[in-house]
Structure formats: structure tokens, C-alpha cells
Amino acid sequence: MKDIQSLLDEYGISHQNATNKLIHWICIPIIVFSLLGMLWSIPLPINVPSVWINLASIVVLLALIFYMRLSLPIALGFVFIGGACLYGNYVLATSLPSGMLWKVSVALFVIAWIGQFIGHKIEGKKPSFFKDLQFLLIGPAWLLHFIMKKMGISYK
């Protein structure tokens, strides 16, 4: 497995254009949030004791393990991001009419991915995940590393 800096550098190669970067700052959080909303909407095949045990929380846990293998600071940052996304989806799931969370999530997901592909059309480079699917998880880490750098926090 490559180290976090190598992955961030490789991801950054296809994200140089300012417009594409801006689109990614908007669309990646929406994609993460809406993906978790879709997963939140899928009932588990077993009875569970808590609303917090669902496919979305399982995926957040798996992503956290992935990030921990790369960078403990990135993983800790993702705890807040993943937690906020889970909480936001909980709020939506409990305030929207039954069955609406997945519809809203699918719409947001599709719109955000259209935005991503427009950004890459502007950039003139294919999305990194076409080369390696793990870059789907590097996108959020790439944004997070900029935030951490701005705050003076080492992400390595």
C-alpha cells in the first residue's frame, strides 16, 4: 500500500484546475453525505438494537479503518466528518416523510457526480478512480489534508 503523501500527490495530479478544485470542494462532501444517506436507507436483514447500527455506519467504520492504515490524523479528522454525515442523515431520516431519505440522497448523489465529471472535463483529465478505486476514498482525505495544513496540523 502506498503512503498517504504518495496517494494525495497522485490524486492531486488530476486536480490542478481551480474550477475543478472548487467543484470538488462542493461535490465530494455532497457525494459522501448522499452515499451514506442511501446506505442509511437500506434496512439490515437482521433486527438491530439501535438506529445507529446500519449500512452507513458500517461503511464509515470500514473507511475509518482504511484511513487509519494511511494516517492517524486523517482518520481522526474523518471521525468528525463521518460522524457529522451520519448525524445529518439521522436528522433527515427522522424529519423527512418515510422513504424520502433515499430519494433525496440519490438526487444529490447524481447531481454531485455530474458536477465531478464536468470538473474533470474542464480539467481535461480523467477522474483518479478510473485508475484505482481506492481514490474514491482518497478524495475526502485530499480535502481534509488541505484543512489540516491550513490549521497547522500534520496529516502524516
N, C-alpha and C. Protein backbone atom coordinates (compact mmCIF):
# COMPACT_ATOMS: atom_id res chain seq x y z
N MET A 1 0.84 -1.18 0.00
CA MET A 1 0.00 0.00 0.00
C MET A 1 0.89 1.25 0.00
N LYS A 2 0.52 2.22 -0.84
CA LYS A 2 1.27 3.48 -0.89
C LYS A 2 1.02 4.28 0.37
N ASP A 3 1.93 5.20 0.66
CA ASP A 3 1.74 6.05 1.83
C ASP A 3 0.78 7.20 1.48
N ILE A 4 0.31 7.88 2.50
CA ILE A 4 -0.71 8.91 2.32
C ILE A 4 -0.23 10.02 1.40
N GLN A 5 1.02 10.45 1.53
CA GLN A 5 1.50 11.54 0.70
C GLN A 5 1.54 11.15 -0.77
N SER A 6 1.97 9.94 -1.06
CA SER A 6 2.01 9.47 -2.45
C SER A 6 0.60 9.45 -3.06
N LEU A 7 -0.35 8.98 -2.28
CA LEU A 7 -1.73 8.92 -2.76
C LEU A 7 -2.31 10.32 -2.97
N LEU A 8 -2.05 11.23 -2.04
CA LEU A 8 -2.54 12.60 -2.18
C LEU A 8 -1.89 13.29 -3.38
N ASP A 9 -0.59 13.07 -3.56
CA ASP A 9 0.11 13.65 -4.71
C ASP A 9 -0.45 13.11 -6.02
N GLU A 10 -0.65 11.81 -6.07
CA GLU A 10 -1.18 11.19 -7.29
C GLU A 10 -2.60 11.68 -7.58
N TYR A 11 -3.40 11.80 -6.54
CA TYR A 11 -4.76 12.32 -6.71
C TYR A 11 -4.71 13.76 -7.20
N GLY A 12 -3.80 14.53 -6.65
CA GLY A 12 -3.69 15.95 -6.99
C GLY A 12 -3.31 16.21 -8.44
N ILE A 13 -2.67 15.24 -9.09
CA ILE A 13 -2.25 15.41 -10.49
C ILE A 13 -3.45 15.72 -11.39
N SER A 14 -4.57 15.07 -11.13
CA SER A 14 -5.75 15.30 -11.98
C SER A 14 -6.71 16.32 -11.35
N HIS A 15 -6.18 17.12 -10.44
CA HIS A 15 -6.98 18.15 -9.78
C HIS A 15 -6.17 19.44 -9.64
N GLN A 16 -5.72 19.98 -10.76
CA GLN A 16 -4.90 21.19 -10.77
C GLN A 16 -5.70 22.44 -11.11
N ASN A 17 -6.72 22.30 -11.93
CA ASN A 17 -7.53 23.42 -12.40
C ASN A 17 -8.35 23.99 -11.25
N ALA A 18 -8.34 25.31 -11.10
CA ALA A 18 -9.04 25.96 -9.98
C ALA A 18 -10.54 25.68 -9.99
N THR A 19 -11.14 25.66 -11.16
CA THR A 19 -12.59 25.38 -11.25
C THR A 19 -12.88 23.95 -10.83
N ASN A 20 -12.06 23.02 -11.31
CA ASN A 20 -12.23 21.61 -10.93
C ASN A 20 -12.06 21.44 -9.42
N LYS A 21 -11.07 22.11 -8.85
CA LYS A 21 -10.86 22.03 -7.40
C LYS A 21 -12.10 22.55 -6.65
N LEU A 22 -12.62 23.69 -7.09
CA LEU A 22 -13.81 24.25 -6.43
C LEU A 22 -14.99 23.29 -6.52
N ILE A 23 -15.18 22.72 -7.71
CA ILE A 23 -16.26 21.75 -7.88
C ILE A 23 -16.07 20.58 -6.92
N HIS A 24 -14.84 20.12 -6.75
CA HIS A 24 -14.57 19.01 -5.83
C HIS A 24 -14.84 19.39 -4.38
N TRP A 25 -14.53 20.63 -4.01
CA TRP A 25 -14.81 21.08 -2.65
C TRP A 25 -16.31 21.08 -2.36
N ILE A 26 -17.10 21.29 -3.38
CA ILE A 26 -18.56 21.26 -3.20
C ILE A 26 -19.09 19.83 -3.32
N CYS A 27 -18.65 19.12 -4.35
CA CYS A 27 -19.27 17.84 -4.70
C CYS A 27 -18.82 16.65 -3.85
N ILE A 28 -17.56 16.60 -3.44
CA ILE A 28 -17.11 15.45 -2.64
C ILE A 28 -17.89 15.35 -1.32
N PRO A 29 -18.04 16.44 -0.57
CA PRO A 29 -18.84 16.31 0.65
C PRO A 29 -20.30 15.89 0.37
N ILE A 30 -20.87 16.39 -0.72
CA ILE A 30 -22.23 16.00 -1.06
C ILE A 30 -22.29 14.52 -1.41
N ILE A 31 -21.30 14.04 -2.14
CA ILE A 31 -21.26 12.62 -2.51
C ILE A 31 -21.15 11.74 -1.27
N VAL A 32 -20.25 12.10 -0.36
CA VAL A 32 -20.09 11.32 0.87
C VAL A 32 -21.40 11.32 1.65
N PHE A 33 -21.98 12.49 1.85
CA PHE A 33 -23.21 12.61 2.61
C PHE A 33 -24.34 11.81 1.97
N SER A 34 -24.50 11.97 0.66
CA SER A 34 -25.62 11.31 -0.01
C SER A 34 -25.41 9.80 -0.12
N LEU A 35 -24.17 9.37 -0.30
CA LEU A 35 -23.90 7.92 -0.30
C LEU A 35 -24.30 7.32 1.04
N LEU A 36 -23.92 7.99 2.11
CA LEU A 36 -24.30 7.49 3.43
C LEU A 36 -25.81 7.54 3.63
N GLY A 37 -26.47 8.53 3.04
CA GLY A 37 -27.93 8.59 3.11
C GLY A 37 -28.59 7.42 2.40
N MET A 38 -28.03 7.07 1.24
CA MET A 38 -28.57 5.90 0.52
C MET A 38 -28.36 4.64 1.34
N LEU A 39 -27.17 4.49 1.91
CA LEU A 39 -26.87 3.30 2.71
C LEU A 39 -27.72 3.27 3.98
N TRP A 40 -27.95 4.43 4.59
CA TRP A 40 -28.79 4.53 5.79
C TRP A 40 -30.19 4.00 5.49
N SER A 41 -30.63 4.21 4.26
CA SER A 41 -32.00 3.85 3.86
C SER A 41 -32.21 2.37 3.61
N ILE A 42 -31.13 1.61 3.50
CA ILE A 42 -31.25 0.17 3.23
C ILE A 42 -31.37 -0.56 4.56
N PRO A 43 -32.48 -1.23 4.79
CA PRO A 43 -32.63 -1.93 6.08
C PRO A 43 -31.69 -3.14 6.15
N LEU A 44 -31.16 -3.37 7.33
CA LEU A 44 -30.35 -4.56 7.55
C LEU A 44 -31.26 -5.78 7.60
N PRO A 45 -30.75 -6.93 7.19
CA PRO A 45 -31.60 -8.13 7.17
C PRO A 45 -31.86 -8.72 8.55
N ILE A 46 -31.29 -8.12 9.58
CA ILE A 46 -31.50 -8.60 10.95
C ILE A 46 -32.03 -7.45 11.80
N ASN A 47 -32.67 -7.79 12.89
CA ASN A 47 -33.10 -6.78 13.85
C ASN A 47 -31.90 -6.28 14.64
N VAL A 48 -31.73 -4.97 14.70
CA VAL A 48 -30.61 -4.40 15.46
C VAL A 48 -31.17 -3.51 16.57
N PRO A 49 -30.42 -3.39 17.66
CA PRO A 49 -30.94 -2.68 18.83
C PRO A 49 -30.90 -1.15 18.72
N SER A 50 -30.28 -0.61 17.65
CA SER A 50 -30.11 0.83 17.58
C SER A 50 -30.26 1.32 16.15
N VAL A 51 -30.82 2.51 16.00
CA VAL A 51 -30.94 3.13 14.69
C VAL A 51 -29.55 3.45 14.12
N TRP A 52 -28.55 3.54 15.00
CA TRP A 52 -27.19 3.91 14.57
C TRP A 52 -26.43 2.72 13.97
N ILE A 53 -26.96 1.53 14.12
CA ILE A 53 -26.32 0.36 13.50
C ILE A 53 -27.02 0.12 12.18
N ASN A 54 -26.35 0.52 11.10
CA ASN A 54 -26.92 0.41 9.77
C ASN A 54 -25.77 0.34 8.75
N LEU A 55 -26.11 0.20 7.48
CA LEU A 55 -25.05 0.08 6.47
C LEU A 55 -24.18 1.33 6.39
N ALA A 56 -24.76 2.49 6.62
CA ALA A 56 -23.98 3.73 6.58
C ALA A 56 -22.91 3.74 7.67
N SER A 57 -23.28 3.38 8.89
CA SER A 57 -22.30 3.39 9.99
C SER A 57 -21.24 2.30 9.78
N ILE A 58 -21.63 1.20 9.17
CA ILE A 58 -20.66 0.13 8.88
C ILE A 58 -19.64 0.62 7.85
N VAL A 59 -20.12 1.31 6.81
CA VAL A 59 -19.21 1.85 5.78
C VAL A 59 -18.29 2.92 6.38
N VAL A 60 -18.82 3.76 7.25
CA VAL A 60 -17.97 4.76 7.90
C VAL A 60 -16.88 4.07 8.72
N LEU A 61 -17.24 3.02 9.42
CA LEU A 61 -16.25 2.27 10.20
C LEU A 61 -15.18 1.66 9.28
N LEU A 62 -15.59 1.07 8.17
CA LEU A 62 -14.63 0.50 7.23
C LEU A 62 -13.72 1.57 6.62
N ALA A 63 -14.30 2.73 6.29
CA ALA A 63 -13.49 3.84 5.77
C ALA A 63 -12.50 4.31 6.83
N LEU A 64 -12.94 4.36 8.06
CA LEU A 64 -12.07 4.77 9.16
C LEU A 64 -10.88 3.82 9.29
N ILE A 65 -11.11 2.53 9.16
CA ILE A 65 -10.02 1.55 9.20
C ILE A 65 -9.06 1.79 8.04
N PHE A 66 -9.59 2.06 6.84
CA PHE A 66 -8.75 2.38 5.67
C PHE A 66 -7.87 3.59 5.97
N TYR A 67 -8.47 4.66 6.49
CA TYR A 67 -7.72 5.88 6.79
C TYR A 67 -6.69 5.66 7.89
N MET A 68 -7.03 4.84 8.89
CA MET A 68 -6.08 4.57 9.98
C MET A 68 -4.82 3.89 9.46
N ARG A 69 -4.96 3.06 8.43
CA ARG A 69 -3.80 2.39 7.85
C ARG A 69 -2.90 3.39 7.12
N LEU A 70 -3.47 4.52 6.69
CA LEU A 70 -2.71 5.52 5.95
C LEU A 70 -2.18 6.64 6.83
N SER A 71 -3.03 7.13 7.73
CA SER A 71 -2.68 8.32 8.51
C SER A 71 -3.62 8.44 9.70
N LEU A 72 -3.07 8.37 10.89
CA LEU A 72 -3.91 8.53 12.09
C LEU A 72 -4.56 9.91 12.14
N PRO A 73 -3.84 11.00 11.83
CA PRO A 73 -4.51 12.31 11.85
C PRO A 73 -5.66 12.42 10.84
N ILE A 74 -5.48 11.87 9.64
CA ILE A 74 -6.58 11.87 8.67
C ILE A 74 -7.75 11.05 9.21
N ALA A 75 -7.46 9.91 9.81
CA ALA A 75 -8.51 9.07 10.38
C ALA A 75 -9.26 9.82 11.48
N LEU A 76 -8.54 10.52 12.34
CA LEU A 76 -9.20 11.29 13.40
C LEU A 76 -10.07 12.40 12.81
N GLY A 77 -9.58 13.05 11.76
CA GLY A 77 -10.38 14.07 11.07
C GLY A 77 -11.63 13.46 10.47
N PHE A 78 -11.48 12.25 9.94
CA PHE A 78 -12.63 11.58 9.32
C PHE A 78 -13.67 11.17 10.36
N VAL A 79 -13.25 10.96 11.60
CA VAL A 79 -14.22 10.66 12.67
C VAL A 79 -15.26 11.79 12.73
N PHE A 80 -14.78 13.03 12.66
CA PHE A 80 -15.70 14.17 12.71
C PHE A 80 -16.56 14.26 11.45
N ILE A 81 -15.93 14.05 10.29
CA ILE A 81 -16.67 14.13 9.03
C ILE A 81 -17.70 13.01 8.94
N GLY A 82 -17.27 11.79 9.19
CA GLY A 82 -18.19 10.65 9.15
C GLY A 82 -19.30 10.79 10.17
N GLY A 83 -18.94 11.23 11.37
CA GLY A 83 -19.94 11.43 12.41
C GLY A 83 -20.95 12.50 12.03
N ALA A 84 -20.47 13.59 11.46
CA ALA A 84 -21.38 14.67 11.04
C ALA A 84 -22.32 14.19 9.93
N CYS A 85 -21.78 13.42 9.00
CA CYS A 85 -22.62 12.89 7.91
C CYS A 85 -23.66 11.91 8.44
N LEU A 86 -23.24 11.06 9.36
CA LEU A 86 -24.20 10.11 9.95
C LEU A 86 -25.29 10.87 10.71
N TYR A 87 -24.88 11.85 11.51
CA TYR A 87 -25.86 12.62 12.27
C TYR A 87 -26.81 13.38 11.34
N GLY A 88 -26.25 14.00 10.30
CA GLY A 88 -27.09 14.72 9.34
C GLY A 88 -28.10 13.81 8.68
N ASN A 89 -27.68 12.60 8.34
CA ASN A 89 -28.62 11.65 7.73
C ASN A 89 -29.65 11.16 8.74
N TYR A 90 -29.24 11.03 10.00
CA TYR A 90 -30.20 10.67 11.05
C TYR A 90 -31.28 11.75 11.15
N VAL A 91 -30.85 13.00 11.15
CA VAL A 91 -31.81 14.12 11.24
C VAL A 91 -32.75 14.09 10.04
N LEU A 92 -32.20 13.91 8.86
CA LEU A 92 -33.06 13.85 7.67
C LEU A 92 -34.00 12.65 7.72
N ALA A 93 -33.47 11.50 8.11
CA ALA A 93 -34.29 10.28 8.15
C ALA A 93 -35.46 10.43 9.11
N THR A 94 -35.24 11.15 10.20
CA THR A 94 -36.30 11.30 11.21
C THR A 94 -37.21 12.50 10.94
N SER A 95 -36.81 13.42 10.05
CA SER A 95 -37.65 14.59 9.80
C SER A 95 -38.34 14.55 8.43
N LEU A 96 -37.81 13.81 7.49
CA LEU A 96 -38.46 13.68 6.19
C LEU A 96 -39.56 12.62 6.28
N PRO A 97 -40.53 12.71 5.38
CA PRO A 97 -41.53 11.63 5.33
C PRO A 97 -40.84 10.29 5.06
N SER A 98 -41.43 9.24 5.53
CA SER A 98 -40.85 7.90 5.37
C SER A 98 -40.54 7.61 3.90
N GLY A 99 -39.35 7.09 3.67
CA GLY A 99 -38.94 6.72 2.32
C GLY A 99 -38.36 7.85 1.49
N MET A 100 -38.28 9.05 2.05
CA MET A 100 -37.77 10.18 1.27
C MET A 100 -36.24 10.32 1.34
N LEU A 101 -35.60 9.81 2.39
CA LEU A 101 -34.16 9.98 2.53
C LEU A 101 -33.43 9.40 1.32
N TRP A 102 -33.81 8.21 0.89
CA TRP A 102 -33.10 7.61 -0.23
C TRP A 102 -33.34 8.40 -1.52
N LYS A 103 -34.53 8.96 -1.69
CA LYS A 103 -34.82 9.74 -2.89
C LYS A 103 -34.00 11.02 -2.93
N VAL A 104 -33.94 11.72 -1.81
CA VAL A 104 -33.14 12.93 -1.72
C VAL A 104 -31.66 12.59 -1.92
N SER A 105 -31.22 11.50 -1.30
CA SER A 105 -29.82 11.09 -1.40
C SER A 105 -29.43 10.73 -2.83
N VAL A 106 -30.29 9.99 -3.52
CA VAL A 106 -30.00 9.62 -4.91
C VAL A 106 -29.90 10.87 -5.78
N ALA A 107 -30.83 11.80 -5.60
CA ALA A 107 -30.80 13.03 -6.39
C ALA A 107 -29.51 13.82 -6.15
N LEU A 108 -29.14 13.98 -4.88
CA LEU A 108 -27.90 14.70 -4.55
C LEU A 108 -26.68 13.98 -5.11
N PHE A 109 -26.67 12.66 -4.99
CA PHE A 109 -25.55 11.85 -5.46
C PHE A 109 -25.36 12.02 -6.97
N VAL A 110 -26.44 11.92 -7.72
CA VAL A 110 -26.36 12.05 -9.18
C VAL A 110 -25.91 13.46 -9.58
N ILE A 111 -26.50 14.47 -8.98
CA ILE A 111 -26.13 15.86 -9.30
C ILE A 111 -24.66 16.11 -8.97
N ALA A 112 -24.20 15.63 -7.83
CA ALA A 112 -22.80 15.85 -7.43
C ALA A 112 -21.84 15.12 -8.37
N TRP A 113 -22.18 13.91 -8.79
CA TRP A 113 -21.31 13.20 -9.73
C TRP A 113 -21.29 13.88 -11.09
N ILE A 114 -22.42 14.42 -11.52
CA ILE A 114 -22.42 15.20 -12.76
C ILE A 114 -21.46 16.37 -12.62
N GLY A 115 -21.51 17.03 -11.47
CA GLY A 115 -20.58 18.13 -11.20
C GLY A 115 -19.13 17.67 -11.27
N GLN A 116 -18.84 16.53 -10.67
CA GLN A 116 -17.46 16.00 -10.69
C GLN A 116 -16.99 15.77 -12.13
N PHE A 117 -17.84 15.17 -12.95
CA PHE A 117 -17.44 14.89 -14.33
C PHE A 117 -17.30 16.17 -15.14
N ILE A 118 -18.12 17.17 -14.86
CA ILE A 118 -17.95 18.48 -15.50
C ILE A 118 -16.59 19.06 -15.11
N GLY A 119 -16.25 18.97 -13.83
CA GLY A 119 -14.95 19.45 -13.37
C GLY A 119 -13.79 18.77 -14.08
N HIS A 120 -13.91 17.46 -14.25
CA HIS A 120 -12.83 16.74 -14.93
C HIS A 120 -12.81 17.03 -16.43
N LYS A 121 -13.95 17.35 -17.00
CA LYS A 121 -13.98 17.78 -18.41
C LYS A 121 -13.23 19.10 -18.54
N ILE A 122 -13.48 20.01 -17.61
CA ILE A 122 -12.77 21.30 -17.59
C ILE A 122 -11.27 21.07 -17.39
N GLU A 123 -10.94 20.18 -16.47
CA GLU A 123 -9.54 19.85 -16.16
C GLU A 123 -8.85 19.20 -17.36
N GLY A 124 -9.61 18.41 -18.09
CA GLY A 124 -9.03 17.69 -19.23
C GLY A 124 -8.34 16.39 -18.82
N LYS A 125 -8.68 15.90 -17.62
CA LYS A 125 -8.09 14.64 -17.13
C LYS A 125 -9.19 13.77 -16.55
N LYS A 126 -9.01 12.47 -16.69
CA LYS A 126 -9.98 11.52 -16.14
C LYS A 126 -9.91 11.51 -14.62
N PRO A 127 -11.04 11.19 -13.97
CA PRO A 127 -11.01 11.04 -12.52
C PRO A 127 -10.02 9.94 -12.11
N SER A 128 -9.35 10.14 -10.98
CA SER A 128 -8.32 9.21 -10.50
C SER A 128 -8.86 7.81 -10.25
N PHE A 129 -10.12 7.70 -9.85
CA PHE A 129 -10.65 6.38 -9.52
C PHE A 129 -10.78 5.48 -10.75
N PHE A 130 -10.70 6.04 -11.97
CA PHE A 130 -10.68 5.19 -13.16
C PHE A 130 -9.42 4.33 -13.17
N LYS A 131 -8.35 4.85 -12.56
CA LYS A 131 -7.09 4.12 -12.48
C LYS A 131 -7.08 3.15 -11.30
N ASP A 132 -7.65 3.58 -10.17
CA ASP A 132 -7.60 2.79 -8.94
C ASP A 132 -8.79 3.20 -8.07
N LEU A 133 -9.65 2.25 -7.74
CA LEU A 133 -10.87 2.55 -6.98
C LEU A 133 -10.60 3.13 -5.60
N GLN A 134 -9.43 2.89 -5.03
CA GLN A 134 -9.17 3.44 -3.70
C GLN A 134 -9.18 4.97 -3.71
N PHE A 135 -9.04 5.57 -4.90
CA PHE A 135 -9.08 7.03 -4.97
C PHE A 135 -10.46 7.58 -4.65
N LEU A 136 -11.49 6.72 -4.66
CA LEU A 136 -12.80 7.17 -4.19
C LEU A 136 -12.73 7.55 -2.71
N LEU A 137 -11.86 6.90 -1.96
CA LEU A 137 -11.66 7.23 -0.55
C LEU A 137 -10.59 8.30 -0.35
N ILE A 138 -9.73 8.48 -1.32
CA ILE A 138 -8.67 9.48 -1.19
C ILE A 138 -9.24 10.89 -1.41
N GLY A 139 -10.30 11.02 -2.21
CA GLY A 139 -10.90 12.33 -2.43
C GLY A 139 -11.23 13.06 -1.13
N PRO A 140 -11.99 12.45 -0.22
CA PRO A 140 -12.26 13.14 1.05
C PRO A 140 -10.99 13.42 1.86
N ALA A 141 -10.03 12.51 1.82
CA ALA A 141 -8.77 12.73 2.55
C ALA A 141 -7.99 13.88 1.92
N TRP A 142 -8.08 14.02 0.61
CA TRP A 142 -7.39 15.10 -0.09
C TRP A 142 -7.92 16.45 0.38
N LEU A 143 -9.24 16.57 0.49
CA LEU A 143 -9.82 17.81 1.01
C LEU A 143 -9.42 18.03 2.47
N LEU A 144 -9.50 16.97 3.25
CA LEU A 144 -9.17 17.06 4.67
C LEU A 144 -7.72 17.47 4.89
N HIS A 145 -6.80 16.99 4.05
CA HIS A 145 -5.39 17.35 4.25
C HIS A 145 -5.16 18.84 4.04
N PHE A 146 -5.94 19.47 3.14
CA PHE A 146 -5.82 20.92 2.96
C PHE A 146 -6.30 21.66 4.21
N ILE A 147 -7.39 21.20 4.78
CA ILE A 147 -7.92 21.81 6.01
C ILE A 147 -6.90 21.67 7.13
N MET A 148 -6.33 20.48 7.25
CA MET A 148 -5.37 20.24 8.33
C MET A 148 -4.11 21.09 8.14
N LYS A 149 -3.64 21.21 6.90
CA LYS A 149 -2.48 22.06 6.62
C LYS A 149 -2.77 23.51 7.01
N LYS A 150 -3.96 23.98 6.66
CA LYS A 150 -4.36 25.35 6.97
C LYS A 150 -4.40 25.58 8.48
N MET A 151 -4.76 24.54 9.23
CA MET A 151 -4.83 24.63 10.69
C MET A 151 -3.48 24.36 11.36
N GLY A 152 -2.47 24.03 10.55
CA GLY A 152 -1.15 23.73 11.10
C GLY A 152 -1.05 22.35 11.73
N ILE A 153 -1.93 21.43 11.31
CA ILE A 153 -1.95 20.08 11.86
C ILE A 153 -1.30 19.16 10.85
N SER A 154 -0.33 18.36 11.27
CA SER A 154 0.31 17.41 10.38
C SER A 154 -0.67 16.28 10.07
N TYR A 155 -0.75 15.92 8.81
CA TYR A 155 -1.65 14.84 8.40
C TYR A 155 -0.92 13.54 8.12
N LYS A 156 0.38 13.52 8.33
CA LYS A 156 1.18 12.32 8.02
C LYS A 156 1.35 11.48 9.26
